[in-house]
């Protein structure tokens, strides 16, 4: 299972990612992020990984690419936070990307 929900507020557009980030779903995340980045009208794009259960190597690569493009992430859980911090180090992104 994989799902991306878009939640708009005055300050941000939040993409809530649920399920397993692997295989064809990696391309879906990239496409959805690209489309969601349009028409932000000054809002921040935040990718919420709190409900993500699996991140494949391809998924990690996609997250690194999105970090390099300026995406910000939120998450819950010690393991997901640790993975995001490791990926931020890998891409040498700012600490607030996580």
PDB file of N, CA and C in Angstrom:
ATOM      1  N   UNK A   1       0.833  -1.177   0.000  1.00  0.00           N
ATOM      2  CA  UNK A   1       0.000   0.000   0.000  1.00  0.00           C
ATOM      3  C   UNK A   1       0.880   1.245   0.000  1.00  0.00           C
ATOM      4  N   UNK A   2       0.429   2.243  -0.713  1.00  0.00           N
ATOM      5  CA  UNK A   2       1.128   3.523  -0.752  1.00  0.00           C
ATOM      6  C   UNK A   2       0.092   4.598  -1.034  1.00  0.00           C
ATOM      7  N   UNK A   3       0.212   5.722  -0.321  1.00  0.00           N
ATOM      8  CA  UNK A   3      -0.722   6.817  -0.545  1.00  0.00           C
ATOM      9  C   UNK A   3      -0.023   8.126  -0.227  1.00  0.00           C
ATOM     10  N   UNK A   4      -0.346   9.145  -1.027  1.00  0.00           N
ATOM     11  CA  UNK A   4       0.123  10.500  -0.752  1.00  0.00           C
ATOM     12  C   UNK A   4      -1.105  11.395  -0.697  1.00  0.00           C
ATOM     13  N   UNK A   5      -1.294  12.061   0.428  1.00  0.00           N
ATOM     14  CA  UNK A   5      -2.392  13.016   0.593  1.00  0.00           C
ATOM     15  C   UNK A   5      -1.804  14.415   0.633  1.00  0.00           C
ATOM     16  N   UNK A   6      -2.518  15.369   0.047  1.00  0.00           N
ATOM     17  CA  UNK A   6      -2.071  16.761   0.039  1.00  0.00           C
ATOM     18  C   UNK A   6      -2.965  17.555   0.974  1.00  0.00           C
ATOM     19  N   UNK A   7      -2.337  18.236   1.931  1.00  0.00           N
ATOM     20  CA  UNK A   7      -3.061  19.057   2.896  1.00  0.00           C
ATOM     21  C   UNK A   7      -2.547  20.483   2.759  1.00  0.00           C
ATOM     22  N   UNK A   8      -3.424  21.389   2.330  1.00  0.00           N
ATOM     23  CA  UNK A   8      -3.045  22.790   2.155  1.00  0.00           C
ATOM     24  C   UNK A   8      -3.469  23.617   3.356  1.00  0.00           C
ATOM     25  N   UNK A   9      -2.595  24.515   3.771  1.00  0.00           N
ATOM     26  CA  UNK A   9      -2.905  25.494   4.807  1.00  0.00           C
ATOM     27  C   UNK A   9      -2.312  26.825   4.352  1.00  0.00           C
ATOM     28  N   UNK A  10      -2.619  27.917   5.032  1.00  0.00           N
ATOM     29  CA  UNK A  10      -2.069  29.208   4.605  1.00  0.00           C
ATOM     30  C   UNK A  10      -0.540  29.264   4.624  1.00  0.00           C
ATOM     31  N   UNK A  11       0.103  28.505   5.514  1.00  0.00           N
ATOM     32  CA  UNK A  11       1.559  28.579   5.663  1.00  0.00           C
ATOM     33  C   UNK A  11       2.316  27.511   4.883  1.00  0.00           C
ATOM     34  N   UNK A  12       1.656  26.388   4.579  1.00  0.00           N
ATOM     35  CA  UNK A  12       2.399  25.298   3.949  1.00  0.00           C
ATOM     36  C   UNK A  12       1.485  24.377   3.152  1.00  0.00           C
ATOM     37  N   UNK A  13       2.100  23.643   2.267  1.00  0.00           N
ATOM     38  CA  UNK A  13       1.454  22.522   1.575  1.00  0.00           C
ATOM     39  C   UNK A  13       2.171  21.277   2.082  1.00  0.00           C
ATOM     40  N   UNK A  14       1.403  20.397   2.717  1.00  0.00           N
ATOM     41  CA  UNK A  14       1.973  19.199   3.337  1.00  0.00           C
ATOM     42  C   UNK A  14       1.583  17.979   2.512  1.00  0.00           C
ATOM     43  N   UNK A  15       2.602  17.183   2.148  1.00  0.00           N
ATOM     44  CA  UNK A  15       2.365  15.906   1.481  1.00  0.00           C
ATOM     45  C   UNK A  15       2.524  14.817   2.531  1.00  0.00           C
ATOM     46  N   UNK A  16       1.446  14.130   2.843  1.00  0.00           N
ATOM     47  CA  UNK A  16       1.470  13.073   3.845  1.00  0.00           C
ATOM     48  C   UNK A  16       1.674  11.747   3.107  1.00  0.00           C
ATOM     49  N   UNK A  17       2.837  11.141   3.323  1.00  0.00           N
ATOM     50  CA  UNK A  17       3.224   9.916   2.620  1.00  0.00           C
ATOM     51  C   UNK A  17       2.994   8.732   3.558  1.00  0.00           C
ATOM     52  N   UNK A  18       2.241   7.734   3.076  1.00  0.00           N
ATOM     53  CA  UNK A  18       1.909   6.568   3.897  1.00  0.00           C
ATOM     54  C   UNK A  18       2.277   5.280   3.168  1.00  0.00           C
ATOM     55  N   UNK A  19       2.775   4.312   3.912  1.00  0.00           N
ATOM     56  CA  UNK A  19       3.040   2.992   3.345  1.00  0.00           C
ATOM     57  C   UNK A  19       4.501   2.758   3.029  1.00  0.00           C
ATOM     58  N   UNK A  20       4.739   2.029   1.934  1.00  0.00           N
ATOM     59  CA  UNK A  20       6.085   1.605   1.549  1.00  0.00           C
ATOM     60  C   UNK A  20       6.600   2.446   0.393  1.00  0.00           C
ATOM     61  N   UNK A  21       7.717   3.121   0.610  1.00  0.00           N
ATOM     62  CA  UNK A  21       8.348   3.920  -0.441  1.00  0.00           C
ATOM     63  C   UNK A  21       9.373   3.043  -1.144  1.00  0.00           C
ATOM     64  N   UNK A  22       8.918   2.336  -2.173  1.00  0.00           N
ATOM     65  CA  UNK A  22       9.796   1.443  -2.932  1.00  0.00           C
ATOM     66  C   UNK A  22       9.209   1.236  -4.323  1.00  0.00           C
ATOM     67  N   UNK A  23      10.039   0.723  -5.221  1.00  0.00           N
ATOM     68  CA  UNK A  23       9.589   0.392  -6.569  1.00  0.00           C
ATOM     69  C   UNK A  23       8.973   1.572  -7.302  1.00  0.00           C
ATOM     70  N   UNK A  24       7.823   1.329  -7.907  1.00  0.00           N
ATOM     71  CA  UNK A  24       7.141   2.350  -8.713  1.00  0.00           C
ATOM     72  C   UNK A  24       6.681   3.537  -7.873  1.00  0.00           C
ATOM     73  N   UNK A  25       6.533   3.341  -6.568  1.00  0.00           N
ATOM     74  CA  UNK A  25       6.052   4.427  -5.709  1.00  0.00           C
ATOM     75  C   UNK A  25       7.087   5.536  -5.561  1.00  0.00           C
ATOM     76  N   UNK A  26       8.342   5.225  -5.797  1.00  0.00           N
ATOM     77  CA  UNK A  26       9.386   6.252  -5.727  1.00  0.00           C
ATOM     78  C   UNK A  26       9.152   7.289  -6.823  1.00  0.00           C
ATOM     79  N   UNK A  27       8.873   6.832  -8.038  1.00  0.00           N
ATOM     80  CA  UNK A  27       8.583   7.752  -9.147  1.00  0.00           C
ATOM     81  C   UNK A  27       7.319   8.549  -8.861  1.00  0.00           C
ATOM     82  N   UNK A  28       6.335   7.920  -8.230  1.00  0.00           N
ATOM     83  CA  UNK A  28       5.095   8.616  -7.878  1.00  0.00           C
ATOM     84  C   UNK A  28       5.375   9.746  -6.887  1.00  0.00           C
ATOM     85  N   UNK A  29       6.238   9.498  -5.907  1.00  0.00           N
ATOM     86  CA  UNK A  29       6.604  10.547  -4.955  1.00  0.00           C
ATOM     87  C   UNK A  29       7.289  11.703  -5.669  1.00  0.00           C
ATOM     88  N   UNK A  30       8.227  11.398  -6.545  1.00  0.00           N
ATOM     89  CA  UNK A  30       8.932  12.453  -7.284  1.00  0.00           C
ATOM     90  C   UNK A  30       7.953  13.300  -8.095  1.00  0.00           C
ATOM     91  N   UNK A  31       7.044  12.639  -8.813  1.00  0.00           N
ATOM     92  CA  UNK A  31       6.068  13.343  -9.646  1.00  0.00           C
ATOM     93  C   UNK A  31       5.136  14.199  -8.798  1.00  0.00           C
ATOM     94  N   UNK A  32       4.645  13.630  -7.712  1.00  0.00           N
ATOM     95  CA  UNK A  32       3.734  14.369  -6.839  1.00  0.00           C
ATOM     96  C   UNK A  32       4.427  15.583  -6.232  1.00  0.00           C
ATOM     97  N   UNK A  33       5.673  15.441  -5.818  1.00  0.00           N
ATOM     98  CA  UNK A  33       6.423  16.569  -5.248  1.00  0.00           C
ATOM     99  C   UNK A  33       6.634  17.658  -6.288  1.00  0.00           C
ATOM    100  N   UNK A  34       6.979  17.251  -7.491  1.00  0.00           N
ATOM    101  CA  UNK A  34       7.189  18.219  -8.568  1.00  0.00           C
ATOM    102  C   UNK A  34       5.897  19.002  -8.831  1.00  0.00           C
ATOM    103  N   UNK A  35       4.776  18.296  -8.915  1.00  0.00           N
ATOM    104  CA  UNK A  35       3.494  18.952  -9.162  1.00  0.00           C
ATOM    105  C   UNK A  35       3.063  19.814  -7.977  1.00  0.00           C
ATOM    106  N   UNK A  36       3.311  19.349  -6.766  1.00  0.00           N
ATOM    107  CA  UNK A  36       2.919  20.100  -5.570  1.00  0.00           C
ATOM    108  C   UNK A  36       3.751  21.362  -5.393  1.00  0.00           C
ATOM    109  N   UNK A  37       4.943  21.391  -5.973  1.00  0.00           N
ATOM    110  CA  UNK A  37       5.817  22.562  -5.852  1.00  0.00           C
ATOM    111  C   UNK A  37       5.306  23.748  -6.662  1.00  0.00           C
ATOM    112  N   UNK A  38       4.442  23.472  -7.604  1.00  0.00           N
ATOM    113  CA  UNK A  38       3.873  24.549  -8.416  1.00  0.00           C
ATOM    114  C   UNK A  38       2.809  25.285  -7.609  1.00  0.00           C
ATOM    115  N   UNK A  39       2.692  26.551  -7.838  1.00  0.00           N
ATOM    116  CA  UNK A  39       1.642  27.371  -7.221  1.00  0.00           C
ATOM    117  C   UNK A  39       1.649  27.333  -5.696  1.00  0.00           C
ATOM    118  N   UNK A  40       2.819  27.368  -5.101  1.00  0.00           N
ATOM    119  CA  UNK A  40       2.896  27.392  -3.639  1.00  0.00           C
ATOM    120  C   UNK A  40       2.487  28.743  -3.066  1.00  0.00           C
ATOM    121  N   UNK A  41       2.612  29.789  -3.857  1.00  0.00           N
ATOM    122  CA  UNK A  41       2.209  31.139  -3.440  1.00  0.00           C
ATOM    123  C   UNK A  41       2.826  31.529  -2.100  1.00  0.00           C
ATOM    124  N   UNK A  42       4.125  31.304  -1.952  1.00  0.00           N
ATOM    125  CA  UNK A  42       4.840  31.698  -0.745  1.00  0.00           C
ATOM    126  C   UNK A  42       4.811  30.685   0.384  1.00  0.00           C
ATOM    127  N   UNK A  43       4.065  29.620   0.224  1.00  0.00           N
ATOM    128  CA  UNK A  43       4.006  28.595   1.273  1.00  0.00           C
ATOM    129  C   UNK A  43       5.201  27.659   1.160  1.00  0.00           C
ATOM    130  N   UNK A  44       5.480  26.937   2.244  1.00  0.00           N
ATOM    131  CA  UNK A  44       6.550  25.932   2.235  1.00  0.00           C
ATOM    132  C   UNK A  44       5.963  24.583   1.848  1.00  0.00           C
ATOM    133  N   UNK A  45       6.776  23.783   1.173  1.00  0.00           N
ATOM    134  CA  UNK A  45       6.397  22.404   0.881  1.00  0.00           C
ATOM    135  C   UNK A  45       7.037  21.516   1.938  1.00  0.00           C
ATOM    136  N   UNK A  46       6.204  20.763   2.659  1.00  0.00           N
ATOM    137  CA  UNK A  46       6.678  19.864   3.707  1.00  0.00           C
ATOM    138  C   UNK A  46       6.224  18.448   3.358  1.00  0.00           C
ATOM    139  N   UNK A  47       7.166  17.530   3.359  1.00  0.00           N
ATOM    140  CA  UNK A  47       6.860  16.132   3.080  1.00  0.00           C
ATOM    141  C   UNK A  47       6.846  15.392   4.412  1.00  0.00           C
ATOM    142  N   UNK A  48       5.671  14.909   4.787  1.00  0.00           N
ATOM    143  CA  UNK A  48       5.457  14.265   6.083  1.00  0.00           C
ATOM    144  C   UNK A  48       5.616  12.752   5.932  1.00  0.00           C
ATOM    145  N   UNK A  49       6.662  12.214   6.531  1.00  0.00           N
ATOM    146  CA  UNK A  49       6.960  10.785   6.442  1.00  0.00           C
ATOM    147  C   UNK A  49       6.563  10.028   7.710  1.00  0.00           C
ATOM    148  N   UNK A  50       5.707  10.615   8.527  1.00  0.00           N
ATOM    149  CA  UNK A  50       5.330  10.006   9.811  1.00  0.00           C
ATOM    150  C   UNK A  50       4.682   8.636   9.659  1.00  0.00           C
ATOM    151  N   UNK A  51       3.972   8.409   8.560  1.00  0.00           N
ATOM    152  CA  UNK A  51       3.259   7.141   8.365  1.00  0.00           C
ATOM    153  C   UNK A  51       3.948   6.225   7.364  1.00  0.00           C
ATOM    154  N   UNK A  52       5.201   6.507   7.077  1.00  0.00           N
ATOM    155  CA  UNK A  52       5.968   5.665   6.164  1.00  0.00           C
ATOM    156  C   UNK A  52       6.451   4.430   6.919  1.00  0.00           C
ATOM    157  N   UNK A  53       6.308   3.257   6.311  1.00  0.00           N
ATOM    158  CA  UNK A  53       6.696   2.019   6.993  1.00  0.00           C
ATOM    159  C   UNK A  53       7.984   1.413   6.449  1.00  0.00           C
ATOM    160  N   UNK A  54       8.301   1.662   5.173  1.00  0.00           N
ATOM    161  CA  UNK A  54       9.499   1.109   4.536  1.00  0.00           C
ATOM    162  C   UNK A  54      10.087   2.164   3.614  1.00  0.00           C
ATOM    163  N   UNK A  55      11.416   2.296   3.622  1.00  0.00           N
ATOM    164  CA  UNK A  55      12.111   3.172   2.674  1.00  0.00           C
ATOM    165  C   UNK A  55      13.181   2.330   1.991  1.00  0.00           C
ATOM    166  N   UNK A  56      13.009   2.081   0.687  1.00  0.00           N
ATOM    167  CA  UNK A  56      14.003   1.309  -0.064  1.00  0.00           C
ATOM    168  C   UNK A  56      15.203   2.198  -0.385  1.00  0.00           C
ATOM    169  N   UNK A  57      16.245   1.601  -0.931  1.00  0.00           N
ATOM    170  CA  UNK A  57      17.426   2.368  -1.359  1.00  0.00           C
ATOM    171  C   UNK A  57      17.009   3.411  -2.405  1.00  0.00           C
ATOM    172  N   UNK A  58      16.124   3.030  -3.338  1.00  0.00           N
ATOM    173  CA  UNK A  58      15.631   3.989  -4.332  1.00  0.00           C
ATOM    174  C   UNK A  58      14.878   5.126  -3.647  1.00  0.00           C
ATOM    175  N   UNK A  59      14.116   4.774  -2.618  1.00  0.00           N
ATOM    176  CA  UNK A  59      13.384   5.780  -1.857  1.00  0.00           C
ATOM    177  C   UNK A  59      14.324   6.739  -1.151  1.00  0.00           C
ATOM    178  N   UNK A  60      15.403   6.206  -0.589  1.00  0.00           N
ATOM    179  CA  UNK A  60      16.409   7.059   0.050  1.00  0.00           C
ATOM    180  C   UNK A  60      17.019   8.018  -0.966  1.00  0.00           C
ATOM    181  N   UNK A  61      17.333   7.503  -2.164  1.00  0.00           N
ATOM    182  CA  UNK A  61      17.906   8.356  -3.210  1.00  0.00           C
ATOM    183  C   UNK A  61      16.941   9.469  -3.596  1.00  0.00           C
ATOM    184  N   UNK A  62      15.650   9.148  -3.669  1.00  0.00           N
ATOM    185  CA  UNK A  62      14.645  10.158  -4.005  1.00  0.00           C
ATOM    186  C   UNK A  62      14.572  11.222  -2.913  1.00  0.00           C
ATOM    187  N   UNK A  63      14.620  10.804  -1.657  1.00  0.00           N
ATOM    188  CA  UNK A  63      14.576  11.758  -0.547  1.00  0.00           C
ATOM    189  C   UNK A  63      15.790  12.678  -0.595  1.00  0.00           C
ATOM    190  N   UNK A  64      16.966  12.130  -0.870  1.00  0.00           N
ATOM    191  CA  UNK A  64      18.176  12.951  -0.991  1.00  0.00           C
ATOM    192  C   UNK A  64      18.005  13.973  -2.114  1.00  0.00           C
ATOM    193  N   UNK A  65      17.501  13.538  -3.262  1.00  0.00           N
ATOM    194  CA  UNK A  65      17.282  14.463  -4.380  1.00  0.00           C
ATOM    195  C   UNK A  65      16.301  15.565  -3.999  1.00  0.00           C
ATOM    196  N   UNK A  66      15.228  15.204  -3.297  1.00  0.00           N
ATOM    197  CA  UNK A  66      14.244  16.199  -2.875  1.00  0.00           C
ATOM    198  C   UNK A  66      14.845  17.170  -1.859  1.00  0.00           C
ATOM    199  N   UNK A  67      15.697  16.674  -0.974  1.00  0.00           N
ATOM    200  CA  UNK A  67      16.394  17.556  -0.029  1.00  0.00           C
ATOM    201  C   UNK A  67      17.260  18.554  -0.784  1.00  0.00           C
ATOM    202  N   UNK A  68      17.977  18.073  -1.797  1.00  0.00           N
ATOM    203  CA  UNK A  68      18.829  18.956  -2.594  1.00  0.00           C
ATOM    204  C   UNK A  68      18.015  20.016  -3.313  1.00  0.00           C
ATOM    205  N   UNK A  69      16.764  19.680  -3.650  1.00  0.00           N
ATOM    206  CA  UNK A  69      15.879  20.629  -4.324  1.00  0.00           C
ATOM    207  C   UNK A  69      15.201  21.577  -3.340  1.00  0.00           C
ATOM    208  N   UNK A  70      15.453  21.396  -2.047  1.00  0.00           N
ATOM    209  CA  UNK A  70      14.925  22.318  -1.047  1.00  0.00           C
ATOM    210  C   UNK A  70      13.706  21.840  -0.287  1.00  0.00           C
ATOM    211  N   UNK A  71      13.274  20.611  -0.503  1.00  0.00           N
ATOM    212  CA  UNK A  71      12.111  20.099   0.222  1.00  0.00           C
ATOM    213  C   UNK A  71      12.435  19.969   1.708  1.00  0.00           C
ATOM    214  N   UNK A  72      11.429  20.179   2.531  1.00  0.00           N
ATOM    215  CA  UNK A  72      11.544  20.022   3.973  1.00  0.00           C
ATOM    216  C   UNK A  72      10.751  18.795   4.380  1.00  0.00           C
ATOM    217  N   UNK A  73      11.177  18.133   5.426  1.00  0.00           N
ATOM    218  CA  UNK A  73      10.562  16.885   5.845  1.00  0.00           C
ATOM    219  C   UNK A  73      10.143  16.949   7.302  1.00  0.00           C
ATOM    220  N   UNK A  74       9.092  16.209   7.629  1.00  0.00           N
ATOM    221  CA  UNK A  74       8.725  15.981   9.023  1.00  0.00           C
ATOM    222  C   UNK A  74       8.508  14.480   9.176  1.00  0.00           C
ATOM    223  N   UNK A  75       8.685  13.995  10.396  1.00  0.00           N
ATOM    224  CA  UNK A  75       8.528  12.559  10.619  1.00  0.00           C
ATOM    225  C   UNK A  75       8.231  12.309  12.087  1.00  0.00           C
ATOM    226  N   UNK A  76       7.899  11.071  12.377  1.00  0.00           N
ATOM    227  CA  UNK A  76       7.705  10.627  13.756  1.00  0.00           C
ATOM    228  C   UNK A  76       8.503   9.342  13.915  1.00  0.00           C
ATOM    229  N   UNK A  77       8.949   9.102  15.089  1.00  0.00           N
ATOM    230  CA  UNK A  77       9.691   7.864  15.324  1.00  0.00           C
ATOM    231  C   UNK A  77      11.185   8.080  15.235  1.00  0.00           C
ATOM    232  N   UNK A  78      11.874   7.397  16.104  1.00  0.00           N
ATOM    233  CA  UNK A  78      13.319   7.535  16.219  1.00  0.00           C
ATOM    234  C   UNK A  78      14.025   7.026  14.968  1.00  0.00           C
ATOM    235  N   UNK A  79      13.597   5.891  14.442  1.00  0.00           N
ATOM    236  CA  UNK A  79      14.278   5.303  13.291  1.00  0.00           C
ATOM    237  C   UNK A  79      14.143   6.177  12.046  1.00  0.00           C
ATOM    238  N   UNK A  80      12.937   6.649  11.757  1.00  0.00           N
ATOM    239  CA  UNK A  80      12.747   7.498  10.576  1.00  0.00           C
ATOM    240  C   UNK A  80      13.533   8.792  10.712  1.00  0.00           C
ATOM    241  N   UNK A  81      13.528   9.376  11.902  1.00  0.00           N
ATOM    242  CA  UNK A  81      14.299  10.603  12.127  1.00  0.00           C
ATOM    243  C   UNK A  81      15.793  10.339  11.913  1.00  0.00           C
ATOM    244  N   UNK A  82      16.284   9.211  12.398  1.00  0.00           N
ATOM    245  CA  UNK A  82      17.695   8.853  12.216  1.00  0.00           C
ATOM    246  C   UNK A  82      18.018   8.691  10.727  1.00  0.00           C
ATOM    247  N   UNK A  83      17.164   7.996   9.994  1.00  0.00           N
ATOM    248  CA  UNK A  83      17.385   7.805   8.555  1.00  0.00           C
ATOM    249  C   UNK A  83      17.415   9.155   7.850  1.00  0.00           C
ATOM    250  N   UNK A  84      16.474  10.045   8.167  1.00  0.00           N
ATOM    251  CA  UNK A  84      16.450  11.364   7.525  1.00  0.00           C
ATOM    252  C   UNK A  84      17.705  12.171   7.843  1.00  0.00           C
ATOM    253  N   UNK A  85      18.177  12.095   9.074  1.00  0.00           N
ATOM    254  CA  UNK A  85      19.402  12.823   9.419  1.00  0.00           C
ATOM    255  C   UNK A  85      20.601  12.266   8.667  1.00  0.00           C
ATOM    256  N   UNK A  86      20.666  10.943   8.530  1.00  0.00           N
ATOM    257  CA  UNK A  86      21.754  10.334   7.756  1.00  0.00           C
ATOM    258  C   UNK A  86      21.686  10.769   6.295  1.00  0.00           C
ATOM    259  N   UNK A  87      20.489  10.825   5.737  1.00  0.00           N
ATOM    260  CA  UNK A  87      20.334  11.247   4.344  1.00  0.00           C
ATOM    261  C   UNK A  87      20.690  12.720   4.177  1.00  0.00           C
ATOM    262  N   UNK A  88      20.351  13.541   5.176  1.00  0.00           N
ATOM    263  CA  UNK A  88      20.715  14.961   5.117  1.00  0.00           C
ATOM    264  C   UNK A  88      22.230  15.118   5.129  1.00  0.00           C
ATOM    265  N   UNK A  89      22.914  14.304   5.915  1.00  0.00           N
ATOM    266  CA  UNK A  89      24.382  14.344   5.915  1.00  0.00           C
ATOM    267  C   UNK A  89      24.930  13.908   4.565  1.00  0.00           C
ATOM    268  N   UNK A  90      24.310  12.888   3.992  1.00  0.00           N
ATOM    269  CA  UNK A  90      24.750  12.373   2.694  1.00  0.00           C
ATOM    270  C   UNK A  90      24.667  13.442   1.606  1.00  0.00           C
ATOM    271  N   UNK A  91      23.631  14.257   1.654  1.00  0.00           N
ATOM    272  CA  UNK A  91      23.489  15.286   0.615  1.00  0.00           C
ATOM    273  C   UNK A  91      24.047  16.629   1.071  1.00  0.00           C
ATOM    274  N   UNK A  92      24.559  16.647   2.315  1.00  0.00           N
ATOM    275  CA  UNK A  92      25.110  17.879   2.890  1.00  0.00           C
ATOM    276  C   UNK A  92      24.081  19.009   2.897  1.00  0.00           C
ATOM    277  N   UNK A  93      22.845  18.640   3.250  1.00  0.00           N
ATOM    278  CA  UNK A  93      21.758  19.607   3.325  1.00  0.00           C
ATOM    279  C   UNK A  93      21.747  20.256   4.703  1.00  0.00           C
ATOM    280  N   UNK A  94      21.028  21.348   4.795  1.00  0.00           N
ATOM    281  CA  UNK A  94      20.888  22.043   6.067  1.00  0.00           C
ATOM    282  C   UNK A  94      20.151  21.148   7.061  1.00  0.00           C
ATOM    283  N   UNK A  95      20.483  21.241   8.341  1.00  0.00           N
ATOM    284  CA  UNK A  95      19.820  20.413   9.348  1.00  0.00           C
ATOM    285  C   UNK A  95      18.315  20.625   9.412  1.00  0.00           C
ATOM    286  N   UNK A  96      17.812  21.805   9.036  1.00  0.00           N
ATOM    287  CA  UNK A  96      16.371  22.033   9.118  1.00  0.00           C
ATOM    288  C   UNK A  96      15.614  21.369   7.976  1.00  0.00           C
ATOM    289  N   UNK A  97      16.308  20.636   7.105  1.00  0.00           N
ATOM    290  CA  UNK A  97      15.615  19.865   6.075  1.00  0.00           C
ATOM    291  C   UNK A  97      14.858  18.709   6.715  1.00  0.00           C
ATOM    292  N   UNK A  98      15.226  18.391   7.948  1.00  0.00           N
ATOM    293  CA  UNK A  98      14.582  17.278   8.659  1.00  0.00           C
ATOM    294  C   UNK A  98      13.728  17.832   9.771  1.00  0.00           C
TER     295      UNK A  98
END
